[in-house]
């Protein structure tokens, strides 16, 4: 999904459609019991500030209903991280931020997909 700013002030890797997704979720929140966000959560690619922006963006939703994630290539893939693809999509964060910011009910935090 990613993150964006309505005023265009996001200087790094913006995904404007994320704002439409957030608006739609907020609009129908009373009918939502759970959000399952499958892969490519924030597109932070190694930048903590981008994770901060993303979590602020979903705060109104995640504070009212369970917000569960599954790791995508942009959270996990790195050459030495044990990921299936030997790519650098995670920007070196190797799933650490996704694993620690979102506490999912999984026995193996490194492979929570």
C-alpha atoms as a PDB file:
ATOM      1  CA  UNK A   1       0.000   0.000   0.000  1.00  0.00           C
ATOM      2  CA  UNK A   2       2.642   2.527   0.958  1.00  0.00           C
ATOM      3  CA  UNK A   3       2.109   6.070   2.132  1.00  0.00           C
ATOM      4  CA  UNK A   4       1.626   9.588   0.808  1.00  0.00           C
ATOM      5  CA  UNK A   5       0.782  13.150   1.825  1.00  0.00           C
ATOM      6  CA  UNK A   6      -2.214  15.038   0.407  1.00  0.00           C
ATOM      7  CA  UNK A   7      -0.093  18.155  -0.015  1.00  0.00           C
ATOM      8  CA  UNK A   8       2.656  16.279  -1.883  1.00  0.00           C
ATOM      9  CA  UNK A   9       5.239  17.035   0.794  1.00  0.00           C
ATOM     10  CA  UNK A  10       6.512  13.458   0.904  1.00  0.00           C
ATOM     11  CA  UNK A  11       9.908  13.753  -0.730  1.00  0.00           C
ATOM     12  CA  UNK A  12      10.690  10.038  -0.970  1.00  0.00           C
ATOM     13  CA  UNK A  13       8.814   7.317  -2.822  1.00  0.00           C
ATOM     14  CA  UNK A  14       5.167   8.342  -2.482  1.00  0.00           C
ATOM     15  CA  UNK A  15       2.205   6.083  -3.295  1.00  0.00           C
ATOM     16  CA  UNK A  16      -0.788   8.461  -3.679  1.00  0.00           C
ATOM     17  CA  UNK A  17      -3.303   5.599  -4.065  1.00  0.00           C
ATOM     18  CA  UNK A  18      -2.618   4.711  -0.405  1.00  0.00           C
ATOM     19  CA  UNK A  19      -4.611   7.806   0.578  1.00  0.00           C
ATOM     20  CA  UNK A  20      -7.649   6.485  -1.301  1.00  0.00           C
ATOM     21  CA  UNK A  21      -7.316   3.110   0.421  1.00  0.00           C
ATOM     22  CA  UNK A  22      -7.113   4.748   3.850  1.00  0.00           C
ATOM     23  CA  UNK A  23     -10.098   7.001   3.093  1.00  0.00           C
ATOM     24  CA  UNK A  24     -12.180   4.009   1.972  1.00  0.00           C
ATOM     25  CA  UNK A  25     -11.303   2.033   5.093  1.00  0.00           C
ATOM     26  CA  UNK A  26     -12.170   4.962   7.361  1.00  0.00           C
ATOM     27  CA  UNK A  27     -15.452   5.525   5.544  1.00  0.00           C
ATOM     28  CA  UNK A  28     -16.561   1.925   6.139  1.00  0.00           C
ATOM     29  CA  UNK A  29     -14.811   1.312   9.461  1.00  0.00           C
ATOM     30  CA  UNK A  30     -18.014   0.501  11.352  1.00  0.00           C
ATOM     31  CA  UNK A  31     -18.441  -2.555   9.081  1.00  0.00           C
ATOM     32  CA  UNK A  32     -14.830  -3.754   9.348  1.00  0.00           C
ATOM     33  CA  UNK A  33     -13.830  -6.340  11.952  1.00  0.00           C
ATOM     34  CA  UNK A  34     -10.225  -6.916  10.895  1.00  0.00           C
ATOM     35  CA  UNK A  35      -7.708  -5.568   8.388  1.00  0.00           C
ATOM     36  CA  UNK A  36      -5.384  -8.089   6.735  1.00  0.00           C
ATOM     37  CA  UNK A  37      -2.573  -6.210   5.004  1.00  0.00           C
ATOM     38  CA  UNK A  38      -0.720  -8.718   2.857  1.00  0.00           C
ATOM     39  CA  UNK A  39       2.795  -7.704   1.876  1.00  0.00           C
ATOM     40  CA  UNK A  40       4.538  -4.505   0.845  1.00  0.00           C
ATOM     41  CA  UNK A  41       3.305  -2.644   3.871  1.00  0.00           C
ATOM     42  CA  UNK A  42       4.961   0.786   3.827  1.00  0.00           C
ATOM     43  CA  UNK A  43       7.524   0.644   1.002  1.00  0.00           C
ATOM     44  CA  UNK A  44       9.944   2.151   3.523  1.00  0.00           C
ATOM     45  CA  UNK A  45      12.884   0.292   1.963  1.00  0.00           C
ATOM     46  CA  UNK A  46      15.141   0.869   4.943  1.00  0.00           C
ATOM     47  CA  UNK A  47      13.992   4.340   6.017  1.00  0.00           C
ATOM     48  CA  UNK A  48      12.544   4.513   9.545  1.00  0.00           C
ATOM     49  CA  UNK A  49      10.913   7.882   8.825  1.00  0.00           C
ATOM     50  CA  UNK A  50       8.853   6.189   6.124  1.00  0.00           C
ATOM     51  CA  UNK A  51       7.623   3.589   8.633  1.00  0.00           C
ATOM     52  CA  UNK A  52       6.693   6.450  10.974  1.00  0.00           C
ATOM     53  CA  UNK A  53       4.711   8.133   8.237  1.00  0.00           C
ATOM     54  CA  UNK A  54       2.931   4.881   7.385  1.00  0.00           C
ATOM     55  CA  UNK A  55       1.970   4.046  10.972  1.00  0.00           C
ATOM     56  CA  UNK A  56       0.642   7.572  11.453  1.00  0.00           C
ATOM     57  CA  UNK A  57      -1.405   7.128   8.276  1.00  0.00           C
ATOM     58  CA  UNK A  58      -3.093   3.930   9.538  1.00  0.00           C
ATOM     59  CA  UNK A  59      -3.445   5.026  13.183  1.00  0.00           C
ATOM     60  CA  UNK A  60      -7.165   5.868  12.989  1.00  0.00           C
ATOM     61  CA  UNK A  61      -7.868   2.391  11.629  1.00  0.00           C
ATOM     62  CA  UNK A  62      -5.394   0.282  13.616  1.00  0.00           C
ATOM     63  CA  UNK A  63      -6.509   1.897  16.871  1.00  0.00           C
ATOM     64  CA  UNK A  64     -10.071   0.661  16.326  1.00  0.00           C
ATOM     65  CA  UNK A  65      -9.791  -2.763  14.661  1.00  0.00           C
ATOM     66  CA  UNK A  66      -7.049  -5.422  14.611  1.00  0.00           C
ATOM     67  CA  UNK A  67      -4.523  -4.638  11.868  1.00  0.00           C
ATOM     68  CA  UNK A  68      -2.625  -7.765  10.880  1.00  0.00           C
ATOM     69  CA  UNK A  69       0.176  -7.924   8.341  1.00  0.00           C
ATOM     70  CA  UNK A  70       2.076 -10.502   6.351  1.00  0.00           C
ATOM     71  CA  UNK A  71       5.540  -9.747   5.088  1.00  0.00           C
ATOM     72  CA  UNK A  72       6.172  -8.804   1.450  1.00  0.00           C
ATOM     73  CA  UNK A  73       9.377  -8.489  -0.538  1.00  0.00           C
ATOM     74  CA  UNK A  74       9.786  -4.837   0.508  1.00  0.00           C
ATOM     75  CA  UNK A  75       9.814  -5.898   4.162  1.00  0.00           C
ATOM     76  CA  UNK A  76      12.002  -8.977   3.858  1.00  0.00           C
ATOM     77  CA  UNK A  77      14.164  -9.355   0.749  1.00  0.00           C
ATOM     78  CA  UNK A  78      17.860  -8.785   1.262  1.00  0.00           C
ATOM     79  CA  UNK A  79      20.849 -10.775   0.046  1.00  0.00           C
ATOM     80  CA  UNK A  80      21.739 -12.354   3.407  1.00  0.00           C
ATOM     81  CA  UNK A  81      18.347 -12.271   5.168  1.00  0.00           C
ATOM     82  CA  UNK A  82      17.249 -15.788   4.311  1.00  0.00           C
ATOM     83  CA  UNK A  83      14.564 -14.533   1.953  1.00  0.00           C
ATOM     84  CA  UNK A  84      13.583 -16.634  -1.046  1.00  0.00           C
ATOM     85  CA  UNK A  85      14.618 -14.010  -3.601  1.00  0.00           C
ATOM     86  CA  UNK A  86      18.143 -12.632  -3.394  1.00  0.00           C
ATOM     87  CA  UNK A  87      17.106  -9.000  -3.933  1.00  0.00           C
ATOM     88  CA  UNK A  88      17.584  -5.743  -2.003  1.00  0.00           C
ATOM     89  CA  UNK A  89      13.925  -4.690  -1.892  1.00  0.00           C
ATOM     90  CA  UNK A  90      13.878  -4.182   1.889  1.00  0.00           C
ATOM     91  CA  UNK A  91      16.620  -1.577   1.831  1.00  0.00           C
ATOM     92  CA  UNK A  92      18.442  -3.624   4.467  1.00  0.00           C
ATOM     93  CA  UNK A  93      15.705  -3.655   7.110  1.00  0.00           C
ATOM     94  CA  UNK A  94      15.233  -7.403   6.471  1.00  0.00           C
ATOM     95  CA  UNK A  95      11.824  -7.616   8.124  1.00  0.00           C
ATOM     96  CA  UNK A  96      13.006  -6.284  11.495  1.00  0.00           C
ATOM     97  CA  UNK A  97      10.685  -3.268  11.545  1.00  0.00           C
ATOM     98  CA  UNK A  98       7.676  -5.188  10.257  1.00  0.00           C
ATOM     99  CA  UNK A  99       8.287  -7.899  12.869  1.00  0.00           C
ATOM    100  CA  UNK A 100       8.662  -5.495  15.779  1.00  0.00           C
ATOM    101  CA  UNK A 101       6.138  -2.779  14.894  1.00  0.00           C
ATOM    102  CA  UNK A 102       3.354  -5.296  14.226  1.00  0.00           C
ATOM    103  CA  UNK A 103       3.210  -8.067  16.808  1.00  0.00           C
ATOM    104  CA  UNK A 104       1.570 -10.948  14.952  1.00  0.00           C
ATOM    105  CA  UNK A 105       0.507 -14.267  16.483  1.00  0.00           C
ATOM    106  CA  UNK A 106       3.215 -16.382  14.867  1.00  0.00           C
ATOM    107  CA  UNK A 107       5.647 -18.962  16.211  1.00  0.00           C
ATOM    108  CA  UNK A 108       8.413 -17.850  13.861  1.00  0.00           C
ATOM    109  CA  UNK A 109       8.679 -14.059  13.674  1.00  0.00           C
ATOM    110  CA  UNK A 110      11.250 -14.264  10.857  1.00  0.00           C
ATOM    111  CA  UNK A 111       8.797 -16.111   8.597  1.00  0.00           C
ATOM    112  CA  UNK A 112       5.384 -14.697   9.403  1.00  0.00           C
ATOM    113  CA  UNK A 113       3.828 -15.201   5.982  1.00  0.00           C
END
